[in-house]
Amino acid sequence: TIVAAGAQNRDVVMVPANFSELAEMARPGVV
């Protein structure tokens, strides 16, 4: 059911799995 719902709304991210990769990528640019 979850997959089906996701298939119908592929462009909608309800809750990101985590923000770890984003944080690691951005931290070197923040002072």
PDB file of all heavy atoms in Angstrom:
ATOM      1  N   THR A   1       0.832  -1.194   0.000  1.00  0.00           N
ATOM      2  CA  THR A   1       0.000   0.000   0.000  1.00  0.00           C
ATOM      3  C   THR A   1       0.872   1.251   0.000  1.00  0.00           C
ATOM      4  O   THR A   1       0.615   2.211  -0.720  1.00  0.00           O
ATOM      5  CB  THR A   1      -0.916   0.009   1.247  1.00  0.00           C
ATOM      6  OG1 THR A   1      -1.711  -1.174   1.239  1.00  0.00           O
ATOM      7  CG2 THR A   1      -1.816   1.233   1.229  1.00  0.00           C
ATOM      8  N   ILE A   2       1.920   1.204   0.778  1.00  0.00           N
ATOM      9  CA  ILE A   2       2.828   2.348   0.838  1.00  0.00           C
ATOM     10  C   ILE A   2       3.499   2.559  -0.504  1.00  0.00           C
ATOM     11  O   ILE A   2       3.598   3.666  -0.992  1.00  0.00           O
ATOM     12  CB  ILE A   2       3.884   2.136   1.952  1.00  0.00           C
ATOM     13  CG1 ILE A   2       3.189   2.105   3.317  1.00  0.00           C
ATOM     14  CG2 ILE A   2       4.930   3.233   1.918  1.00  0.00           C
ATOM     15  CD1 ILE A   2       4.107   1.712   4.453  1.00  0.00           C
ATOM     16  N   VAL A   3       3.930   1.468  -1.122  1.00  0.00           N
ATOM     17  CA  VAL A   3       4.580   1.577  -2.429  1.00  0.00           C
ATOM     18  C   VAL A   3       3.606   2.134  -3.451  1.00  0.00           C
ATOM     19  O   VAL A   3       3.945   2.991  -4.269  1.00  0.00           O
ATOM     20  CB  VAL A   3       5.114   0.195  -2.872  1.00  0.00           C
ATOM     21  CG1 VAL A   3       5.580   0.254  -4.314  1.00  0.00           C
ATOM     22  CG2 VAL A   3       6.254  -0.225  -1.959  1.00  0.00           C
ATOM     23  N   ALA A   4       2.365   1.643  -3.397  1.00  0.00           N
ATOM     24  CA  ALA A   4       1.373   2.127  -4.353  1.00  0.00           C
ATOM     25  C   ALA A   4       1.131   3.609  -4.172  1.00  0.00           C
ATOM     26  O   ALA A   4       1.046   4.368  -5.139  1.00  0.00           O
ATOM     27  CB  ALA A   4       0.063   1.345  -4.172  1.00  0.00           C
ATOM     28  N   ALA A   5       1.017   4.018  -2.919  1.00  0.00           N
ATOM     29  CA  ALA A   5       0.807   5.443  -2.659  1.00  0.00           C
ATOM     30  C   ALA A   5       1.993   6.241  -3.167  1.00  0.00           C
ATOM     31  O   ALA A   5       1.851   7.311  -3.750  1.00  0.00           O
ATOM     32  CB  ALA A   5       0.604   5.686  -1.163  1.00  0.00           C
ATOM     33  N   GLY A   6       3.187   5.696  -2.952  1.00  0.00           N
ATOM     34  CA  GLY A   6       4.385   6.379  -3.421  1.00  0.00           C
ATOM     35  C   GLY A   6       4.425   6.461  -4.930  1.00  0.00           C
ATOM     36  O   GLY A   6       4.886   7.438  -5.507  1.00  0.00           O
ATOM     37  N   ALA A   7       3.922   5.399  -5.589  1.00  0.00           N
ATOM     38  CA  ALA A   7       3.935   5.388  -7.052  1.00  0.00           C
ATOM     39  C   ALA A   7       3.017   6.458  -7.614  1.00  0.00           C
ATOM     40  O   ALA A   7       3.279   7.035  -8.652  1.00  0.00           O
ATOM     41  CB  ALA A   7       3.520   4.005  -7.556  1.00  0.00           C
ATOM     42  N   GLN A   8       1.906   6.715  -6.897  1.00  0.00           N
ATOM     43  CA  GLN A   8       0.963   7.716  -7.367  1.00  0.00           C
ATOM     44  C   GLN A   8       1.457   9.126  -7.086  1.00  0.00           C
ATOM     45  O   GLN A   8       1.027  10.081  -7.711  1.00  0.00           O
ATOM     46  CB  GLN A   8      -0.402   7.504  -6.699  1.00  0.00           C
ATOM     47  CG  GLN A   8      -1.062   6.198  -7.116  1.00  0.00           C
ATOM     48  CD  GLN A   8      -2.308   5.925  -6.318  1.00  0.00           C
ATOM     49  OE1 GLN A   8      -2.681   6.709  -5.452  1.00  0.00           O
ATOM     50  NE2 GLN A   8      -2.962   4.814  -6.591  1.00  0.00           N
ATOM     51  N   ASN A   9       2.348   9.280  -6.116  1.00  0.00           N
ATOM     52  CA  ASN A   9       2.843  10.598  -5.739  1.00  0.00           C
ATOM     53  C   ASN A   9       4.365  10.595  -5.704  1.00  0.00           C
ATOM     54  O   ASN A   9       4.986  10.882  -4.690  1.00  0.00           O
ATOM     55  CB  ASN A   9       2.293  11.001  -4.354  1.00  0.00           C
ATOM     56  CG  ASN A   9       0.783  11.017  -4.320  1.00  0.00           C
ATOM     57  OD1 ASN A   9       0.152  11.955  -4.760  1.00  0.00           O
ATOM     58  ND2 ASN A   9       0.198   9.939  -3.800  1.00  0.00           N
ATOM     59  N   ARG A  10       4.969  10.247  -6.796  1.00  0.00           N
ATOM     60  CA  ARG A  10       6.417  10.061  -6.820  1.00  0.00           C
ATOM     61  C   ARG A  10       7.182  11.348  -6.537  1.00  0.00           C
ATOM     62  O   ARG A  10       8.298  11.309  -6.063  1.00  0.00           O
ATOM     63  CB  ARG A  10       6.820   9.498  -8.189  1.00  0.00           C
ATOM     64  CG  ARG A  10       6.367   8.056  -8.387  1.00  0.00           C
ATOM     65  CD  ARG A  10       6.682   7.564  -9.785  1.00  0.00           C
ATOM     66  NE  ARG A  10       6.210   6.195  -9.968  1.00  0.00           N
ATOM     67  CZ  ARG A  10       6.243   5.560 -11.128  1.00  0.00           C
ATOM     68  NH1 ARG A  10       6.703   6.169 -12.203  1.00  0.00           N
ATOM     69  NH2 ARG A  10       5.791   4.315 -11.217  1.00  0.00           N
ATOM     70  N   ASP A  11       6.598  12.508  -6.837  1.00  0.00           N
ATOM     71  CA  ASP A  11       7.306  13.772  -6.637  1.00  0.00           C
ATOM     72  C   ASP A  11       7.095  14.339  -5.238  1.00  0.00           C
ATOM     73  O   ASP A  11       7.624  15.392  -4.914  1.00  0.00           O
ATOM     74  CB  ASP A  11       6.829  14.805  -7.667  1.00  0.00           C
ATOM     75  CG  ASP A  11       7.190  14.385  -9.082  1.00  0.00           C
ATOM     76  OD1 ASP A  11       8.200  13.678  -9.226  1.00  0.00           O
ATOM     77  OD2 ASP A  11       6.468  14.767 -10.011  1.00  0.00           O
ATOM     78  N   VAL A  12       6.300  13.671  -4.412  1.00  0.00           N
ATOM     79  CA  VAL A  12       6.001  14.169  -3.075  1.00  0.00           C
ATOM     80  C   VAL A  12       6.814  13.401  -2.054  1.00  0.00           C
ATOM     81  O   VAL A  12       6.687  12.191  -1.925  1.00  0.00           O
ATOM     82  CB  VAL A  12       4.498  14.041  -2.746  1.00  0.00           C
ATOM     83  CG1 VAL A  12       4.224  14.554  -1.347  1.00  0.00           C
ATOM     84  CG2 VAL A  12       3.678  14.818  -3.763  1.00  0.00           C
ATOM     85  N   VAL A  13       7.692  14.114  -1.325  1.00  0.00           N
ATOM     86  CA  VAL A  13       8.462  13.506  -0.242  1.00  0.00           C
ATOM     87  C   VAL A  13       7.805  13.918   1.067  1.00  0.00           C
ATOM     88  O   VAL A  13       7.921  15.059   1.498  1.00  0.00           O
ATOM     89  CB  VAL A  13       9.934  13.966  -0.280  1.00  0.00           C
ATOM     90  CG1 VAL A  13      10.718  13.327   0.855  1.00  0.00           C
ATOM     91  CG2 VAL A  13      10.561  13.633  -1.619  1.00  0.00           C
ATOM     92  N   MET A  14       7.071  12.973   1.696  1.00  0.00           N
ATOM     93  CA  MET A  14       6.352  13.312   2.917  1.00  0.00           C
ATOM     94  C   MET A  14       7.305  13.547   4.069  1.00  0.00           C
ATOM     95  O   MET A  14       7.301  14.586   4.699  1.00  0.00           O
ATOM     96  CB  MET A  14       5.353  12.197   3.258  1.00  0.00           C
ATOM     97  CG  MET A  14       4.266  12.021   2.208  1.00  0.00           C
ATOM     98  SD  MET A  14       3.366  13.554   1.875  1.00  0.00           S
ATOM     99  CE  MET A  14       2.555  13.791   3.453  1.00  0.00           C
ATOM    100  N   VAL A  15       8.168  12.593   4.361  1.00  0.00           N
ATOM    101  CA  VAL A  15       9.158  12.723   5.430  1.00  0.00           C
ATOM    102  C   VAL A  15      10.467  12.133   4.936  1.00  0.00           C
ATOM    103  O   VAL A  15      10.538  10.940   4.674  1.00  0.00           O
ATOM    104  CB  VAL A  15       8.707  11.992   6.717  1.00  0.00           C
ATOM    105  CG1 VAL A  15       9.757  12.196   7.802  1.00  0.00           C
ATOM    106  CG2 VAL A  15       7.352  12.497   7.192  1.00  0.00           C
ATOM    107  N   PRO A  16      11.510  12.945   4.771  1.00  0.00           N
ATOM    108  CA  PRO A  16      12.796  12.395   4.319  1.00  0.00           C
ATOM    109  C   PRO A  16      13.297  11.332   5.287  1.00  0.00           C
ATOM    110  O   PRO A  16      13.074  11.420   6.498  1.00  0.00           O
ATOM    111  CB  PRO A  16      13.711  13.628   4.322  1.00  0.00           C
ATOM    112  CG  PRO A  16      12.791  14.792   4.213  1.00  0.00           C
ATOM    113  CD  PRO A  16      11.551  14.389   4.957  1.00  0.00           C
ATOM    114  N   ALA A  17      13.969  10.330   4.753  1.00  0.00           N
ATOM    115  CA  ALA A  17      14.474   9.247   5.596  1.00  0.00           C
ATOM    116  C   ALA A  17      15.430   9.779   6.651  1.00  0.00           C
ATOM    117  O   ALA A  17      15.376   9.414   7.816  1.00  0.00           O
ATOM    118  CB  ALA A  17      15.161   8.198   4.729  1.00  0.00           C
ATOM    119  N   ASN A  18      16.342  10.690   6.263  1.00  0.00           N
ATOM    120  CA  ASN A  18      17.242  11.351   7.212  1.00  0.00           C
ATOM    121  C   ASN A  18      17.885  12.541   6.521  1.00  0.00           C
ATOM    122  O   ASN A  18      17.779  12.708   5.311  1.00  0.00           O
ATOM    123  CB  ASN A  18      18.306  10.384   7.739  1.00  0.00           C
ATOM    124  CG  ASN A  18      19.215   9.881   6.635  1.00  0.00           C
ATOM    125  OD1 ASN A  18      20.031  10.634   6.105  1.00  0.00           O
ATOM    126  ND2 ASN A  18      19.072   8.600   6.275  1.00  0.00           N
ATOM    127  N   PHE A  19      18.548  13.371   7.334  1.00  0.00           N
ATOM    128  CA  PHE A  19      19.199  14.566   6.807  1.00  0.00           C
ATOM    129  C   PHE A  19      20.721  14.463   6.914  1.00  0.00           C
ATOM    130  O   PHE A  19      21.420  15.463   6.763  1.00  0.00           O
ATOM    131  CB  PHE A  19      18.702  15.798   7.578  1.00  0.00           C
ATOM    132  CG  PHE A  19      17.230  16.043   7.428  1.00  0.00           C
ATOM    133  CD1 PHE A  19      16.318  15.494   8.320  1.00  0.00           C
ATOM    134  CD2 PHE A  19      16.747  16.824   6.394  1.00  0.00           C
ATOM    135  CE1 PHE A  19      14.962  15.731   8.195  1.00  0.00           C
ATOM    136  CE2 PHE A  19      15.388  17.067   6.253  1.00  0.00           C
ATOM    137  CZ  PHE A  19      14.486  16.510   7.151  1.00  0.00           C
ATOM    138  N   SER A  20      21.221  13.269   7.181  1.00  0.00           N
ATOM    139  CA  SER A  20      22.646  13.088   7.443  1.00  0.00           C
ATOM    140  C   SER A  20      23.511  13.463   6.252  1.00  0.00           C
ATOM    141  O   SER A  20      24.486  14.215   6.380  1.00  0.00           O
ATOM    142  CB  SER A  20      22.928  11.643   7.852  1.00  0.00           C
ATOM    143  OG  SER A  20      22.217  11.305   9.015  1.00  0.00           O
ATOM    144  N   GLU A  21      23.163  12.938   5.075  1.00  0.00           N
ATOM    145  CA  GLU A  21      23.976  13.222   3.888  1.00  0.00           C
ATOM    146  C   GLU A  21      23.959  14.705   3.556  1.00  0.00           C
ATOM    147  O   GLU A  21      24.985  15.291   3.190  1.00  0.00           O
ATOM    148  CB  GLU A  21      23.466  12.403   2.704  1.00  0.00           C
ATOM    149  CG  GLU A  21      23.700  10.897   2.850  1.00  0.00           C
ATOM    150  CD  GLU A  21      23.267  10.135   1.618  1.00  0.00           C
ATOM    151  OE1 GLU A  21      22.892  10.793   0.610  1.00  0.00           O
ATOM    152  OE2 GLU A  21      23.282   8.897   1.650  1.00  0.00           O
ATOM    153  N   LEU A  22      22.796  15.325   3.681  1.00  0.00           N
ATOM    154  CA  LEU A  22      22.677  16.754   3.418  1.00  0.00           C
ATOM    155  C   LEU A  22      23.543  17.551   4.381  1.00  0.00           C
ATOM    156  O   LEU A  22      24.279  18.467   3.979  1.00  0.00           O
ATOM    157  CB  LEU A  22      21.210  17.181   3.540  1.00  0.00           C
ATOM    158  CG  LEU A  22      20.923  18.688   3.491  1.00  0.00           C
ATOM    159  CD1 LEU A  22      21.395  19.285   2.187  1.00  0.00           C
ATOM    160  CD2 LEU A  22      19.429  18.938   3.686  1.00  0.00           C
ATOM    161  N   ALA A  23      23.484  17.196   5.658  1.00  0.00           N
ATOM    162  CA  ALA A  23      24.266  17.907   6.668  1.00  0.00           C
ATOM    163  C   ALA A  23      25.760  17.756   6.418  1.00  0.00           C
ATOM    164  O   ALA A  23      26.526  18.730   6.487  1.00  0.00           O
ATOM    165  CB  ALA A  23      23.905  17.399   8.066  1.00  0.00           C
ATOM    166  N   GLU A  24      26.192  16.543   6.114  1.00  0.00           N
ATOM    167  CA  GLU A  24      27.613  16.299   5.873  1.00  0.00           C
ATOM    168  C   GLU A  24      28.106  17.061   4.644  1.00  0.00           C
ATOM    169  O   GLU A  24      29.221  17.566   4.602  1.00  0.00           O
ATOM    170  CB  GLU A  24      27.862  14.800   5.685  1.00  0.00           C
ATOM    171  CG  GLU A  24      27.739  13.989   6.960  1.00  0.00           C
ATOM    172  CD  GLU A  24      28.743  14.423   8.014  1.00  0.00           C
ATOM    173  OE1 GLU A  24      29.911  14.703   7.656  1.00  0.00           O
ATOM    174  OE2 GLU A  24      28.364  14.508   9.197  1.00  0.00           O
ATOM    175  N   MET A  25      27.251  17.153   3.639  1.00  0.00           N
ATOM    176  CA  MET A  25      27.615  17.846   2.414  1.00  0.00           C
ATOM    177  C   MET A  25      27.712  19.363   2.638  1.00  0.00           C
ATOM    178  O   MET A  25      28.595  20.031   2.081  1.00  0.00           O
ATOM    179  CB  MET A  25      26.573  17.558   1.322  1.00  0.00           C
ATOM    180  CG  MET A  25      26.803  18.310   0.016  1.00  0.00           C
ATOM    181  SD  MET A  25      25.524  17.962  -1.226  1.00  0.00           S
ATOM    182  CE  MET A  25      24.082  18.688  -0.418  1.00  0.00           C
ATOM    183  N   ALA A  26      26.813  19.921   3.454  1.00  0.00           N
ATOM    184  CA  ALA A  26      26.729  21.374   3.601  1.00  0.00           C
ATOM    185  C   ALA A  26      27.654  21.948   4.668  1.00  0.00           C
ATOM    186  O   ALA A  26      28.080  23.101   4.566  1.00  0.00           O
ATOM    187  CB  ALA A  26      25.287  21.766   3.912  1.00  0.00           C
ATOM    188  N   ARG A  27      27.985  21.172   5.684  1.00  0.00           N
ATOM    189  CA  ARG A  27      28.744  21.701   6.823  1.00  0.00           C
ATOM    190  C   ARG A  27      30.044  22.410   6.453  1.00  0.00           C
ATOM    191  O   ARG A  27      30.366  23.452   7.023  1.00  0.00           O
ATOM    192  CB  ARG A  27      29.027  20.569   7.817  1.00  0.00           C
ATOM    193  CG  ARG A  27      27.881  20.352   8.794  1.00  0.00           C
ATOM    194  CD  ARG A  27      28.130  19.159   9.672  1.00  0.00           C
ATOM    195  NE  ARG A  27      27.119  19.045  10.713  1.00  0.00           N
ATOM    196  CZ  ARG A  27      26.813  17.930  11.340  1.00  0.00           C
ATOM    197  NH1 ARG A  27      27.466  16.822  11.028  1.00  0.00           N
ATOM    198  NH2 ARG A  27      25.895  17.917  12.280  1.00  0.00           N
ATOM    199  N   PRO A  28      30.842  21.886   5.502  1.00  0.00           N
ATOM    200  CA  PRO A  28      32.092  22.573   5.167  1.00  0.00           C
ATOM    201  C   PRO A  28      31.893  23.995   4.641  1.00  0.00           C
ATOM    202  O   PRO A  28      32.830  24.798   4.664  1.00  0.00           O
ATOM    203  CB  PRO A  28      32.712  21.670   4.092  1.00  0.00           C
ATOM    204  CG  PRO A  28      32.138  20.321   4.357  1.00  0.00           C
ATOM    205  CD  PRO A  28      30.743  20.587   4.797  1.00  0.00           C
ATOM    206  N   GLY A  29      30.698  24.299   4.158  1.00  0.00           N
ATOM    207  CA  GLY A  29      30.441  25.636   3.613  1.00  0.00           C
ATOM    208  C   GLY A  29      29.856  26.610   4.611  1.00  0.00           C
ATOM    209  O   GLY A  29      29.654  27.789   4.291  1.00  0.00           O
ATOM    210  N   VAL A  30      29.574  26.143   5.834  1.00  0.00           N
ATOM    211  CA  VAL A  30      28.968  26.994   6.866  1.00  0.00           C
ATOM    212  C   VAL A  30      30.034  27.403   7.874  1.00  0.00           C
ATOM    213  O   VAL A  30      30.849  26.579   8.292  1.00  0.00           O
ATOM    214  CB  VAL A  30      27.822  26.257   7.580  1.00  0.00           C
ATOM    215  CG1 VAL A  30      27.155  27.179   8.607  1.00  0.00           C
ATOM    216  CG2 VAL A  30      26.785  25.764   6.570  1.00  0.00           C
ATOM    217  N   VAL A  31      30.026  28.688   8.265  1.00  0.00           N
ATOM    218  CA  VAL A  31      31.062  29.180   9.171  1.00  0.00           C
ATOM    219  C   VAL A  31      30.440  29.805  10.417  1.00  0.00           C
ATOM    220  O   VAL A  31      29.283  30.227  10.418  1.00  0.00           O
ATOM    221  CB  VAL A  31      31.964  30.233   8.478  1.00  0.00           C
ATOM    222  CG1 VAL A  31      32.589  29.647   7.224  1.00  0.00           C
ATOM    223  CG2 VAL A  31      31.189  31.509   8.149  1.00  0.00           C
TER     224      VAL A  31
END
